[in-house]
Amino acid sequence: MSVTIKIPTPLRTLTAGADEVSVEASTIRAAIDALETQYPGIKDRICDEKGIRRFVNVFANEEDIRFLNSLDTELSDKDVVSIVPAIAGGSDPLR
């Protein structure tokens, strides 16, 4: 089944500038593996030895996979997977 993966700006250097790519996958794990096959090196930016990196969020149809089945979250045809890097910083409101 074909799923769309939305690629954040920092990872687009690995996808030749593409902001969305399609892969054939039935789980998040399979989608990331397929992404790695097409764009070598991208998996290391998303995952570490424990799973999804701490400062990377992955959503399946707007649902955070950490609250679903993580890498084993099932996907259906035409689903959309979004990779979103966590953003930190800003000003101290107490200053």
PDB file of N, CA and C in Angstrom:
ATOM      1  N   MET A   1       0.820  -1.173   0.000  1.00  0.00           N
ATOM      2  CA  MET A   1       0.000   0.000   0.000  1.00  0.00           C
ATOM      3  C   MET A   1       0.870   1.244   0.000  1.00  0.00           C
ATOM      4  N   SER A   2       0.435   2.239  -0.689  1.00  0.00           N
ATOM      5  CA  SER A   2       1.214   3.459  -0.860  1.00  0.00           C
ATOM      6  C   SER A   2       0.871   4.471   0.227  1.00  0.00           C
ATOM      7  N   VAL A   3       1.907   4.956   0.904  1.00  0.00           N
ATOM      8  CA  VAL A   3       1.728   6.005   1.905  1.00  0.00           C
ATOM      9  C   VAL A   3       2.610   7.188   1.538  1.00  0.00           C
ATOM     10  N   THR A   4       2.201   8.364   1.954  1.00  0.00           N
ATOM     11  CA  THR A   4       2.961   9.583   1.713  1.00  0.00           C
ATOM     12  C   THR A   4       3.701   9.946   2.988  1.00  0.00           C
ATOM     13  N   ILE A   5       4.967  10.275   2.846  1.00  0.00           N
ATOM     14  CA  ILE A   5       5.757  10.737   3.982  1.00  0.00           C
ATOM     15  C   ILE A   5       6.114  12.194   3.747  1.00  0.00           C
ATOM     16  N   LYS A   6       5.736  13.041   4.708  1.00  0.00           N
ATOM     17  CA  LYS A   6       6.072  14.465   4.644  1.00  0.00           C
ATOM     18  C   LYS A   6       7.445  14.653   5.275  1.00  0.00           C
ATOM     19  N   ILE A   7       8.336  15.268   4.507  1.00  0.00           N
ATOM     20  CA  ILE A   7       9.732  15.426   4.916  1.00  0.00           C
ATOM     21  C   ILE A   7       9.955  16.850   5.432  1.00  0.00           C
ATOM     22  N   PRO A   8      10.501  16.996   6.647  1.00  0.00           N
ATOM     23  CA  PRO A   8      10.772  18.343   7.152  1.00  0.00           C
ATOM     24  C   PRO A   8      11.970  18.972   6.439  1.00  0.00           C
ATOM     25  N   THR A   9      12.023  20.272   6.462  1.00  0.00           N
ATOM     26  CA  THR A   9      13.078  21.010   5.766  1.00  0.00           C
ATOM     27  C   THR A   9      14.484  20.504   6.074  1.00  0.00           C
ATOM     28  N   PRO A  10      14.845  20.244   7.349  1.00  0.00           N
ATOM     29  CA  PRO A  10      16.224  19.803   7.621  1.00  0.00           C
ATOM     30  C   PRO A  10      16.620  18.479   6.956  1.00  0.00           C
ATOM     31  N   LEU A  11      15.650  17.650   6.587  1.00  0.00           N
ATOM     32  CA  LEU A  11      15.956  16.356   5.966  1.00  0.00           C
ATOM     33  C   LEU A  11      15.850  16.371   4.444  1.00  0.00           C
ATOM     34  N   ARG A  12      15.427  17.479   3.887  1.00  0.00           N
ATOM     35  CA  ARG A  12      15.227  17.536   2.438  1.00  0.00           C
ATOM     36  C   ARG A  12      16.527  17.483   1.648  1.00  0.00           C
ATOM     37  N   THR A  13      17.649  17.754   2.288  1.00  0.00           N
ATOM     38  CA  THR A  13      18.930  17.594   1.590  1.00  0.00           C
ATOM     39  C   THR A  13      19.159  16.127   1.239  1.00  0.00           C
ATOM     40  N   LEU A  14      18.536  15.224   2.012  1.00  0.00           N
ATOM     41  CA  LEU A  14      18.673  13.788   1.760  1.00  0.00           C
ATOM     42  C   LEU A  14      17.658  13.278   0.732  1.00  0.00           C
ATOM     43  N   THR A  15      16.614  14.066   0.461  1.00  0.00           N
ATOM     44  CA  THR A  15      15.573  13.640  -0.489  1.00  0.00           C
ATOM     45  C   THR A  15      15.599  14.497  -1.754  1.00  0.00           C
ATOM     46  N   ALA A  16      16.752  15.058  -2.066  1.00  0.00           N
ATOM     47  CA  ALA A  16      16.920  15.907  -3.255  1.00  0.00           C
ATOM     48  C   ALA A  16      15.913  17.061  -3.274  1.00  0.00           C
ATOM     49  N   GLY A  17      15.575  17.557  -2.085  1.00  0.00           N
ATOM     50  CA  GLY A  17      14.673  18.694  -1.976  1.00  0.00           C
ATOM     51  C   GLY A  17      13.202  18.352  -1.901  1.00  0.00           C
ATOM     52  N   ALA A  18      12.859  17.086  -2.041  1.00  0.00           N
ATOM     53  CA  ALA A  18      11.441  16.696  -2.017  1.00  0.00           C
ATOM     54  C   ALA A  18      10.845  16.909  -0.630  1.00  0.00           C
ATOM     55  N   ASP A  19       9.659  17.536  -0.584  1.00  0.00           N
ATOM     56  CA  ASP A  19       8.990  17.741   0.696  1.00  0.00           C
ATOM     57  C   ASP A  19       8.015  16.612   1.025  1.00  0.00           C
ATOM     58  N   GLU A  20       7.709  15.786   0.043  1.00  0.00           N
ATOM     59  CA  GLU A  20       6.883  14.591   0.231  1.00  0.00           C
ATOM     60  C   GLU A  20       7.428  13.473  -0.649  1.00  0.00           C
ATOM     61  N   VAL A  21       7.398  12.266  -0.123  1.00  0.00           N
ATOM     62  CA  VAL A  21       7.780  11.100  -0.912  1.00  0.00           C
ATOM     63  C   VAL A  21       6.749   9.993  -0.664  1.00  0.00           C
ATOM     64  N   SER A  22       6.599   9.112  -1.608  1.00  0.00           N
ATOM     65  CA  SER A  22       5.689   7.974  -1.465  1.00  0.00           C
ATOM     66  C   SER A  22       6.494   6.699  -1.317  1.00  0.00           C
ATOM     67  N   VAL A  23       6.028   5.845  -0.423  1.00  0.00           N
ATOM     68  CA  VAL A  23       6.657   4.536  -0.228  1.00  0.00           C
ATOM     69  C   VAL A  23       5.558   3.496  -0.093  1.00  0.00           C
ATOM     70  N   GLU A  24       5.935   2.261  -0.304  1.00  0.00           N
ATOM     71  CA  GLU A  24       5.036   1.131  -0.091  1.00  0.00           C
ATOM     72  C   GLU A  24       5.353   0.574   1.287  1.00  0.00           C
ATOM     73  N   ALA A  25       4.369   0.620   2.207  1.00  0.00           N
ATOM     74  CA  ALA A  25       4.627   0.146   3.564  1.00  0.00           C
ATOM     75  C   ALA A  25       3.313  -0.100   4.290  1.00  0.00           C
ATOM     76  N   SER A  26       3.347  -1.059   5.233  1.00  0.00           N
ATOM     77  CA  SER A  26       2.155  -1.349   6.029  1.00  0.00           C
ATOM     78  C   SER A  26       2.322  -0.962   7.494  1.00  0.00           C
ATOM     79  N   THR A  27       3.545  -0.550   7.884  1.00  0.00           N
ATOM     80  CA  THR A  27       3.801  -0.060   9.242  1.00  0.00           C
ATOM     81  C   THR A  27       4.762   1.121   9.164  1.00  0.00           C
ATOM     82  N   ILE A  28       4.857   1.844  10.266  1.00  0.00           N
ATOM     83  CA  ILE A  28       5.825   2.948  10.326  1.00  0.00           C
ATOM     84  C   ILE A  28       7.235   2.408  10.133  1.00  0.00           C
ATOM     85  N   ARG A  29       7.557   1.304  10.779  1.00  0.00           N
ATOM     86  CA  ARG A  29       8.894   0.703  10.643  1.00  0.00           C
ATOM     87  C   ARG A  29       9.215   0.414   9.175  1.00  0.00           C
ATOM     88  N   ALA A  30       8.258  -0.189   8.462  1.00  0.00           N
ATOM     89  CA  ALA A  30       8.461  -0.507   7.049  1.00  0.00           C
ATOM     90  C   ALA A  30       8.575   0.765   6.212  1.00  0.00           C
ATOM     91  N   ALA A  31       7.837   1.799   6.588  1.00  0.00           N
ATOM     92  CA  ALA A  31       7.912   3.070   5.858  1.00  0.00           C
ATOM     93  C   ALA A  31       9.294   3.704   6.020  1.00  0.00           C
ATOM     94  N   ILE A  32       9.828   3.681   7.226  1.00  0.00           N
ATOM     95  CA  ILE A  32      11.165   4.246   7.459  1.00  0.00           C
ATOM     96  C   ILE A  32      12.221   3.416   6.740  1.00  0.00           C
ATOM     97  N   ASP A  33      12.066   2.097   6.738  1.00  0.00           N
ATOM     98  CA  ASP A  33      13.008   1.239   6.012  1.00  0.00           C
ATOM     99  C   ASP A  33      12.947   1.511   4.504  1.00  0.00           C
ATOM    100  N   ALA A  34      11.738   1.686   3.974  1.00  0.00           N
ATOM    101  CA  ALA A  34      11.595   1.998   2.549  1.00  0.00           C
ATOM    102  C   ALA A  34      12.182   3.366   2.229  1.00  0.00           C
ATOM    103  N   LEU A  35      12.002   4.301   3.132  1.00  0.00           N
ATOM    104  CA  LEU A  35      12.582   5.634   2.969  1.00  0.00           C
ATOM    105  C   LEU A  35      14.108   5.542   2.935  1.00  0.00           C
ATOM    106  N   GLU A  36      14.661   4.720   3.804  1.00  0.00           N
ATOM    107  CA  GLU A  36      16.117   4.523   3.843  1.00  0.00           C
ATOM    108  C   GLU A  36      16.625   3.889   2.548  1.00  0.00           C
ATOM    109  N   THR A  37      15.848   2.967   1.980  1.00  0.00           N
ATOM    110  CA  THR A  37      16.243   2.338   0.717  1.00  0.00           C
ATOM    111  C   THR A  37      16.322   3.374  -0.403  1.00  0.00           C
ATOM    112  N   GLN A  38      15.345   4.284  -0.431  1.00  0.00           N
ATOM    113  CA  GLN A  38      15.320   5.318  -1.473  1.00  0.00           C
ATOM    114  C   GLN A  38      16.312   6.446  -1.205  1.00  0.00           C
ATOM    115  N   TYR A  39      16.508   6.761   0.078  1.00  0.00           N
ATOM    116  CA  TYR A  39      17.344   7.903   0.460  1.00  0.00           C
ATOM    117  C   TYR A  39      18.291   7.485   1.583  1.00  0.00           C
ATOM    118  N   PRO A  40      19.387   6.806   1.217  1.00  0.00           N
ATOM    119  CA  PRO A  40      20.324   6.294   2.229  1.00  0.00           C
ATOM    120  C   PRO A  40      20.800   7.389   3.182  1.00  0.00           C
ATOM    121  N   GLY A  41      20.800   7.031   4.459  1.00  0.00           N
ATOM    122  CA  GLY A  41      21.262   7.944   5.496  1.00  0.00           C
ATOM    123  C   GLY A  41      20.142   8.634   6.250  1.00  0.00           C
ATOM    124  N   ILE A  42      18.943   8.605   5.710  1.00  0.00           N
ATOM    125  CA  ILE A  42      17.840   9.328   6.349  1.00  0.00           C
ATOM    126  C   ILE A  42      17.365   8.629   7.628  1.00  0.00           C
ATOM    127  N   LYS A  43      17.437   7.318   7.661  1.00  0.00           N
ATOM    128  CA  LYS A  43      16.970   6.578   8.842  1.00  0.00           C
ATOM    129  C   LYS A  43      17.761   6.963  10.086  1.00  0.00           C
ATOM    130  N   ASP A  44      19.067   7.154   9.939  1.00  0.00           N
ATOM    131  CA  ASP A  44      19.900   7.533  11.083  1.00  0.00           C
ATOM    132  C   ASP A  44      19.525   8.895  11.645  1.00  0.00           C
ATOM    133  N   ARG A  45      18.922   9.721  10.834  1.00  0.00           N
ATOM    134  CA  ARG A  45      18.485  11.047  11.298  1.00  0.00           C
ATOM    135  C   ARG A  45      17.147  10.968  12.031  1.00  0.00           C
ATOM    136  N   ILE A  46      16.391   9.894  11.797  1.00  0.00           N
ATOM    137  CA  ILE A  46      15.070   9.730  12.398  1.00  0.00           C
ATOM    138  C   ILE A  46      15.100   8.783  13.594  1.00  0.00           C
ATOM    139  N   CYS A  47      15.898   7.735  13.490  1.00  0.00           N
ATOM    140  CA  CYS A  47      15.923   6.672  14.504  1.00  0.00           C
ATOM    141  C   CYS A  47      17.291   6.518  15.138  1.00  0.00           C
ATOM    142  N   ASP A  48      17.278   6.000  16.360  1.00  0.00           N
ATOM    143  CA  ASP A  48      18.506   5.547  17.010  1.00  0.00           C
ATOM    144  C   ASP A  48      18.287   4.087  17.401  1.00  0.00           C
ATOM    145  N   GLU A  49      19.163   3.528  18.237  1.00  0.00           N
ATOM    146  CA  GLU A  49      19.049   2.111  18.573  1.00  0.00           C
ATOM    147  C   GLU A  49      17.801   1.787  19.399  1.00  0.00           C
ATOM    148  N   LYS A  50      17.165   2.801  19.997  1.00  0.00           N
ATOM    149  CA  LYS A  50      15.967   2.590  20.813  1.00  0.00           C
ATOM    150  C   LYS A  50      14.665   2.778  20.039  1.00  0.00           C
ATOM    151  N   GLY A  51      14.748   3.359  18.856  1.00  0.00           N
ATOM    152  CA  GLY A  51      13.547   3.640  18.067  1.00  0.00           C
ATOM    153  C   GLY A  51      13.613   5.046  17.502  1.00  0.00           C
ATOM    154  N   ILE A  52      12.497   5.769  17.556  1.00  0.00           N
ATOM    155  CA  ILE A  52      12.469   7.143  17.062  1.00  0.00           C
ATOM    156  C   ILE A  52      13.315   8.013  17.991  1.00  0.00           C
ATOM    157  N   ARG A  53      14.153   8.854  17.408  1.00  0.00           N
ATOM    158  CA  ARG A  53      15.000   9.738  18.202  1.00  0.00           C
ATOM    159  C   ARG A  53      14.162  10.627  19.113  1.00  0.00           C
ATOM    160  N   ARG A  54      14.741  11.009  20.222  1.00  0.00           N
ATOM    161  CA  ARG A  54      14.050  11.784  21.251  1.00  0.00           C
ATOM    162  C   ARG A  54      13.473  13.095  20.728  1.00  0.00           C
ATOM    163  N   PHE A  55      14.191  13.781  19.858  1.00  0.00           N
ATOM    164  CA  PHE A  55      13.746  15.089  19.389  1.00  0.00           C
ATOM    165  C   PHE A  55      13.122  15.046  18.001  1.00  0.00           C
ATOM    166  N   VAL A  56      12.595  13.887  17.647  1.00  0.00           N
ATOM    167  CA  VAL A  56      11.874  13.731  16.386  1.00  0.00           C
ATOM    168  C   VAL A  56      10.489  13.190  16.717  1.00  0.00           C
ATOM    169  N   ASN A  57       9.482  13.809  16.155  1.00  0.00           N
ATOM    170  CA  ASN A  57       8.107  13.336  16.329  1.00  0.00           C
ATOM    171  C   ASN A  57       7.627  12.767  15.004  1.00  0.00           C
ATOM    172  N   VAL A  58       6.922  11.657  15.076  1.00  0.00           N
ATOM    173  CA  VAL A  58       6.371  11.037  13.873  1.00  0.00           C
ATOM    174  C   VAL A  58       4.868  10.871  14.086  1.00  0.00           C
ATOM    175  N   PHE A  59       4.116  11.311  13.097  1.00  0.00           N
ATOM    176  CA  PHE A  59       2.664  11.253  13.160  1.00  0.00           C
ATOM    177  C   PHE A  59       2.134  10.402  12.010  1.00  0.00           C
ATOM    178  N   ALA A  60       1.148   9.589  12.311  1.00  0.00           N
ATOM    179  CA  ALA A  60       0.422   8.840  11.294  1.00  0.00           C
ATOM    180  C   ALA A  60      -0.969   9.448  11.238  1.00  0.00           C
ATOM    181  N   ASN A  61      -1.259  10.133  10.139  1.00  0.00           N
ATOM    182  CA  ASN A  61      -2.552  10.803  10.005  1.00  0.00           C
ATOM    183  C   ASN A  61      -2.854  11.698  11.206  1.00  0.00           C
ATOM    184  N   GLU A  62      -1.877  12.498  11.599  1.00  0.00           N
ATOM    185  CA  GLU A  62      -1.994  13.488  12.674  1.00  0.00           C
ATOM    186  C   GLU A  62      -2.052  12.891  14.073  1.00  0.00           C
ATOM    187  N   GLU A  63      -1.801  11.590  14.212  1.00  0.00           N
ATOM    188  CA  GLU A  63      -1.749  10.939  15.518  1.00  0.00           C
ATOM    189  C   GLU A  63      -0.296  10.623  15.845  1.00  0.00           C
ATOM    190  N   ASP A  64       0.177  11.053  17.007  1.00  0.00           N
ATOM    191  CA  ASP A  64       1.548  10.795  17.439  1.00  0.00           C
ATOM    192  C   ASP A  64       1.727   9.297  17.626  1.00  0.00           C
ATOM    193  N   ILE A  65       2.688   8.707  16.911  1.00  0.00           N
ATOM    194  CA  ILE A  65       2.860   7.249  16.978  1.00  0.00           C
ATOM    195  C   ILE A  65       3.325   6.784  18.350  1.00  0.00           C
ATOM    196  N   ARG A  66       3.860   7.686  19.181  1.00  0.00           N
ATOM    197  CA  ARG A  66       4.259   7.298  20.539  1.00  0.00           C
ATOM    198  C   ARG A  66       3.041   6.892  21.372  1.00  0.00           C
ATOM    199  N   PHE A  67       1.869   7.389  21.002  1.00  0.00           N
ATOM    200  CA  PHE A  67       0.645   7.043  21.711  1.00  0.00           C
ATOM    201  C   PHE A  67      -0.143   5.950  20.993  1.00  0.00           C
ATOM    202  N   LEU A  68       0.415   5.454  19.918  1.00  0.00           N
ATOM    203  CA  LEU A  68      -0.177   4.335  19.188  1.00  0.00           C
ATOM    204  C   LEU A  68       0.715   3.127  19.428  1.00  0.00           C
ATOM    205  N   ASN A  69       1.235   2.521  18.392  1.00  0.00           N
ATOM    206  CA  ASN A  69       2.116   1.356  18.535  1.00  0.00           C
ATOM    207  C   ASN A  69       3.536   1.650  18.097  1.00  0.00           C
ATOM    208  N   SER A  70       3.943   2.911  18.226  1.00  0.00           N
ATOM    209  CA  SER A  70       5.288   3.358  17.875  1.00  0.00           C
ATOM    210  C   SER A  70       5.661   2.870  16.470  1.00  0.00           C
ATOM    211  N   LEU A  71       6.803   2.238  16.321  1.00  0.00           N
ATOM    212  CA  LEU A  71       7.251   1.802  14.994  1.00  0.00           C
ATOM    213  C   LEU A  71       6.351   0.726  14.386  1.00  0.00           C
ATOM    214  N   ASP A  72       5.585   0.047  15.221  1.00  0.00           N
ATOM    215  CA  ASP A  72       4.695  -1.003  14.728  1.00  0.00           C
ATOM    216  C   ASP A  72       3.290  -0.485  14.413  1.00  0.00           C
ATOM    217  N   THR A  73       3.104   0.822  14.431  1.00  0.00           N
ATOM    218  CA  THR A  73       1.822   1.413  14.054  1.00  0.00           C
ATOM    219  C   THR A  73       1.485   1.008  12.624  1.00  0.00           C
ATOM    220  N   GLU A  74       0.299   0.467  12.439  1.00  0.00           N
ATOM    221  CA  GLU A  74      -0.112   0.015  11.116  1.00  0.00           C
ATOM    222  C   GLU A  74      -0.564   1.180  10.247  1.00  0.00           C
ATOM    223  N   LEU A  75      -0.291   1.043   8.965  1.00  0.00           N
ATOM    224  CA  LEU A  75      -0.671   2.051   7.979  1.00  0.00           C
ATOM    225  C   LEU A  75      -1.590   1.433   6.941  1.00  0.00           C
ATOM    226  N   SER A  76      -2.426   2.279   6.366  1.00  0.00           N
ATOM    227  CA  SER A  76      -3.322   1.864   5.294  1.00  0.00           C
ATOM    228  C   SER A  76      -2.986   2.653   4.041  1.00  0.00           C
ATOM    229  N   ASP A  77      -3.496   2.182   2.927  1.00  0.00           N
ATOM    230  CA  ASP A  77      -3.280   2.865   1.648  1.00  0.00           C
ATOM    231  C   ASP A  77      -3.719   4.323   1.752  1.00  0.00           C
ATOM    232  N   LYS A  78      -2.890   5.212   1.238  1.00  0.00           N
ATOM    233  CA  LYS A  78      -3.145   6.659   1.204  1.00  0.00           C
ATOM    234  C   LYS A  78      -2.940   7.366   2.540  1.00  0.00           C
ATOM    235  N   ASP A  79      -2.443   6.662   3.574  1.00  0.00           N
ATOM    236  CA  ASP A  79      -2.142   7.332   4.837  1.00  0.00           C
ATOM    237  C   ASP A  79      -1.019   8.339   4.644  1.00  0.00           C
ATOM    238  N   VAL A  80      -0.936   9.287   5.570  1.00  0.00           N
ATOM    239  CA  VAL A  80       0.105  10.308   5.526  1.00  0.00           C
ATOM    240  C   VAL A  80       0.913  10.217   6.814  1.00  0.00           C
ATOM    241  N   VAL A  81       2.224  10.100   6.659  1.00  0.00           N
ATOM    242  CA  VAL A  81       3.160  10.070   7.779  1.00  0.00           C
ATOM    243  C   VAL A  81       3.924  11.378   7.759  1.00  0.00           C
ATOM    244  N   SER A  82       3.931  12.073   8.896  1.00  0.00           N
ATOM    245  CA  SER A  82       4.654  13.335   9.005  1.00  0.00           C
ATOM    246  C   SER A  82       5.816  13.175   9.972  1.00  0.00           C
ATOM    247  N   ILE A  83       6.994  13.599   9.541  1.00  0.00           N
ATOM    248  CA  ILE A  83       8.176  13.614  10.391  1.00  0.00           C
ATOM    249  C   ILE A  83       8.371  15.063  10.812  1.00  0.00           C
ATOM    250  N   VAL A  84       8.364  15.301  12.125  1.00  0.00           N
ATOM    251  CA  VAL A  84       8.429  16.669  12.632  1.00  0.00           C
ATOM    252  C   VAL A  84       9.539  16.766  13.669  1.00  0.00           C
ATOM    253  N   PRO A  85      10.594  17.533  13.366  1.00  0.00           N
ATOM    254  CA  PRO A  85      11.632  17.722  14.377  1.00  0.00           C
ATOM    255  C   PRO A  85      11.096  18.594  15.509  1.00  0.00           C
ATOM    256  N   ALA A  86      11.461  18.239  16.740  1.00  0.00           N
ATOM    257  CA  ALA A  86      11.051  19.043  17.888  1.00  0.00           C
ATOM    258  C   ALA A  86      11.779  20.377  17.831  1.00  0.00           C
ATOM    259  N   ILE A  87      11.086  21.406  18.258  1.00  0.00           N
ATOM    260  CA  ILE A  87      11.662  22.747  18.263  1.00  0.00           C
ATOM    261  C   ILE A  87      11.751  23.213  19.705  1.00  0.00           C
ATOM    262  N   ALA A  88      12.910  23.707  20.068  1.00  0.00           N
ATOM    263  CA  ALA A  88      13.121  24.210  21.423  1.00  0.00           C
ATOM    264  C   ALA A  88      13.699  25.614  21.348  1.00  0.00           C
ATOM    265  N   GLY A  89      13.608  26.296  22.443  1.00  0.00           N
ATOM    266  CA  GLY A  89      14.192  27.636  22.499  1.00  0.00           C
ATOM    267  C   GLY A  89      13.133  28.671  22.741  1.00  0.00           C
ATOM    268  N   GLY A  90      13.488  29.894  22.474  1.00  0.00           N
ATOM    269  CA  GLY A  90      12.563  30.991  22.705  1.00  0.00           C
ATOM    270  C   GLY A  90      13.068  31.851  23.842  1.00  0.00           C
ATOM    271  N   SER A  91      12.270  32.776  24.246  1.00  0.00           N
ATOM    272  CA  SER A  91      12.694  33.682  25.305  1.00  0.00           C
ATOM    273  C   SER A  91      12.134  33.225  26.645  1.00  0.00           C
ATOM    274  N   ASP A  92      12.770  33.655  27.697  1.00  0.00           N
ATOM    275  CA  ASP A  92      12.345  33.361  29.056  1.00  0.00           C
ATOM    276  C   ASP A  92      11.240  34.345  29.432  1.00  0.00           C
ATOM    277  N   PRO A  93      10.004  33.897  29.669  1.00  0.00           N
ATOM    278  CA  PRO A  93       8.915  34.809  29.964  1.00  0.00           C
ATOM    279  C   PRO A  93       9.069  35.531  31.303  1.00  0.00           C
ATOM    280  N   LEU A  94      10.000  35.052  32.138  1.00  0.00           N
ATOM    281  CA  LEU A  94      10.197  35.673  33.443  1.00  0.00           C
ATOM    282  C   LEU A  94      11.198  36.829  33.386  1.00  0.00           C
ATOM    283  N   ARG A  95      11.796  37.087  32.278  1.00  0.00           N
ATOM    284  CA  ARG A  95      12.777  38.163  32.164  1.00  0.00           C
ATOM    285  C   ARG A  95      12.139  39.444  31.749  1.00  0.00           C
TER     286      ARG A  95
END
